[in-house]
Amino acid sequence: MKAFKSLISITIYLFFTVGVLPIINVAIEEMKNGNACPKISNFPLCYIILILFLIALISHITNKMKFIYFTSIGIAFIIATIVSILHMKGDFVCPRTFIKGTPKCYYAVGLLFSLIFLKILHIRDIEKDLMKT
C-alpha cells in the first residue's frame, strides 16, 4: 500500500512538471511578445494558471492545506474548461502545441482533472494508513 501511495505522489509530481514547464514557456513568450496567452481584461490567464499551479504544488509538497490544493487546481480546471469551450466555439484562441497543433487548453483540462483525481486517491491512501495504526 505504501508503494502505491508513493507511486501516486510521484505521478502527481510528474504531472506538475508536465504542466508547469509549458505554462512557464507561455508566460515568458507573453512577456516578450504580449500575444502568447489568452487574456481577461488585458491580464494574461497564463500568469493566473501558473500561480495556481505553484500554490497547489506547494500544498502537495507540504502535504497540508488540502483545501488550498483543491481550490487552486479547481479554479485552474474551471478556467481551462471555459477557455476550451470558448476555443471550440471560435470565440477564443488557445496557444497550440508544436507537434500536432492541438490547443494546449485541451491538454490542460485533462491534466488538471488527473491532478484532482490523483490527489483524491493519494488522500484516501493516507487516511487508510492512519486508520490501520
Protein backbone atom coordinates (compact mmCIF):
# COMPACT_ATOMS: atom_id res chain seq x y z
CA MET A 1 0.00 0.00 0.00
CA LYS A 2 2.87 2.36 0.78
CA ALA A 3 4.37 1.73 -2.67
CA PHE A 4 1.05 2.66 -4.30
CA LYS A 5 0.88 5.89 -2.29
CA SER A 6 4.45 6.73 -3.35
CA LEU A 7 3.65 5.96 -6.98
CA ILE A 8 0.64 8.29 -6.87
CA SER A 9 2.72 11.05 -5.30
CA ILE A 10 5.48 10.66 -7.90
CA THR A 11 2.87 10.73 -10.67
CA ILE A 12 1.44 13.95 -9.22
CA TYR A 13 4.94 15.50 -9.26
CA LEU A 14 5.40 14.34 -12.86
CA PHE A 15 2.07 15.87 -13.88
CA PHE A 16 3.02 19.13 -12.18
CA THR A 17 6.28 19.15 -14.12
CA VAL A 18 4.42 18.45 -17.36
CA GLY A 19 2.00 21.28 -16.52
CA VAL A 20 4.26 23.95 -15.07
CA LEU A 21 7.05 23.92 -17.66
CA PRO A 22 4.81 24.70 -20.65
CA ILE A 23 2.99 27.38 -18.67
CA ILE A 24 6.32 29.00 -17.82
CA ASN A 25 7.24 28.94 -21.53
CA VAL A 26 3.92 30.55 -22.49
CA ALA A 27 4.32 33.17 -19.72
CA ILE A 28 7.83 34.02 -20.93
CA GLU A 29 6.57 34.26 -24.51
CA GLU A 30 3.75 36.50 -23.26
CA MET A 31 6.29 38.80 -21.58
CA LYS A 32 8.30 39.01 -24.81
CA ASN A 33 5.53 39.38 -27.40
CA GLY A 34 2.37 40.13 -25.48
CA ASN A 35 0.20 37.80 -27.56
CA ALA A 36 1.03 34.24 -26.48
CA CYS A 37 -1.55 33.95 -23.72
CA PRO A 38 -5.32 34.43 -23.61
CA LYS A 39 -6.34 37.49 -21.59
CA ILE A 40 -9.18 38.64 -19.39
CA SER A 41 -9.37 42.44 -19.14
CA ASN A 42 -5.85 42.66 -20.60
CA PHE A 43 -4.45 40.38 -17.87
CA PRO A 44 -2.85 37.17 -19.19
CA LEU A 45 -4.51 33.98 -17.95
CA CYS A 46 -1.23 32.07 -18.12
CA TYR A 47 0.07 34.10 -15.13
CA ILE A 48 -3.01 33.16 -13.10
CA ILE A 49 -2.75 29.48 -14.07
CA LEU A 50 0.97 29.44 -13.22
CA ILE A 51 0.31 30.91 -9.78
CA LEU A 52 -2.49 28.40 -9.15
CA PHE A 53 -0.24 25.50 -10.21
CA LEU A 54 2.55 26.68 -7.90
CA ILE A 55 0.18 27.09 -4.94
CA ALA A 56 -1.13 23.54 -5.47
CA LEU A 57 2.40 22.18 -5.87
CA ILE A 58 3.50 23.75 -2.57
CA SER A 59 0.38 22.32 -0.93
CA HIS A 60 1.23 18.85 -2.28
CA ILE A 61 4.88 19.09 -1.21
CA THR A 62 3.95 20.06 2.33
CA ASN A 63 1.06 17.56 2.31
CA LYS A 64 -1.03 20.16 4.11
CA MET A 65 -3.79 22.52 3.14
CA LYS A 66 -5.81 20.06 1.05
CA PHE A 67 -8.49 22.72 0.70
CA ILE A 68 -5.95 25.09 -0.90
CA TYR A 69 -4.79 22.33 -3.28
CA PHE A 70 -8.29 21.50 -4.46
CA THR A 71 -9.32 25.16 -4.65
CA SER A 72 -6.34 26.20 -6.76
CA ILE A 73 -6.48 23.19 -9.08
CA GLY A 74 -10.28 23.51 -9.23
CA ILE A 75 -10.11 27.17 -10.27
CA ALA A 76 -7.48 26.34 -12.90
CA PHE A 77 -9.68 23.45 -14.12
CA ILE A 78 -12.71 25.74 -14.44
CA ILE A 79 -10.66 28.34 -16.33
CA ALA A 80 -9.21 25.71 -18.68
CA THR A 81 -12.66 24.22 -19.29
CA ILE A 82 -14.23 27.60 -20.07
CA VAL A 83 -11.32 28.57 -22.33
CA SER A 84 -11.58 25.21 -24.14
CA ILE A 85 -15.31 25.70 -24.73
CA LEU A 86 -14.72 29.23 -25.99
CA HIS A 87 -11.96 27.91 -28.26
CA MET A 88 -14.31 25.29 -29.72
CA LYS A 89 -16.93 27.98 -30.36
CA GLY A 90 -14.33 30.17 -32.08
CA ASP A 91 -14.60 32.98 -29.53
CA PHE A 92 -11.13 32.42 -28.14
CA VAL A 93 -7.77 31.16 -29.40
CA CYS A 94 -5.69 28.84 -27.21
CA PRO A 95 -1.94 28.50 -27.80
CA ARG A 96 -1.23 25.37 -29.84
CA THR A 97 1.30 22.59 -29.43
CA PHE A 98 4.18 22.44 -31.86
CA ILE A 99 3.78 18.80 -32.84
CA LYS A 100 0.17 18.44 -33.98
CA GLY A 101 -1.17 21.94 -33.40
CA THR A 102 -3.63 20.78 -30.75
CA PRO A 103 -4.79 23.61 -28.47
CA LYS A 104 -2.96 23.45 -25.14
CA CYS A 105 -6.14 24.25 -23.24
CA TYR A 106 -7.49 20.80 -24.17
CA TYR A 107 -4.46 19.15 -22.58
CA ALA A 108 -4.79 21.43 -19.55
CA VAL A 109 -8.32 20.17 -18.86
CA GLY A 110 -7.14 16.55 -18.87
CA LEU A 111 -4.06 17.30 -16.81
CA LEU A 112 -5.97 19.26 -14.17
CA PHE A 113 -8.70 16.61 -13.94
CA SER A 114 -5.97 13.99 -13.47
CA LEU A 115 -4.35 16.04 -10.70
CA ILE A 116 -7.67 16.26 -8.87
CA PHE A 117 -8.33 12.52 -9.27
CA LEU A 118 -4.79 11.51 -8.23
CA LYS A 119 -4.88 13.74 -5.16
CA ILE A 120 -8.16 12.16 -4.07
CA LEU A 121 -6.52 8.70 -4.37
CA HIS A 122 -3.45 9.98 -2.52
CA ILE A 123 -5.54 11.33 0.38
CA ARG A 124 -7.58 8.11 0.59
CA ASP A 125 -4.40 6.04 0.88
CA ILE A 126 -3.01 8.33 3.59
CA GLU A 127 -6.28 8.10 5.54
CA LYS A 128 -6.32 4.30 5.19
CA ASP A 129 -2.77 4.13 6.59
CA LEU A 130 -3.78 6.32 9.54
CA MET A 131 -6.79 4.14 10.31
CA LYS A 132 -4.66 0.96 10.38
CA THR A 133 -2.26 2.26 13.01
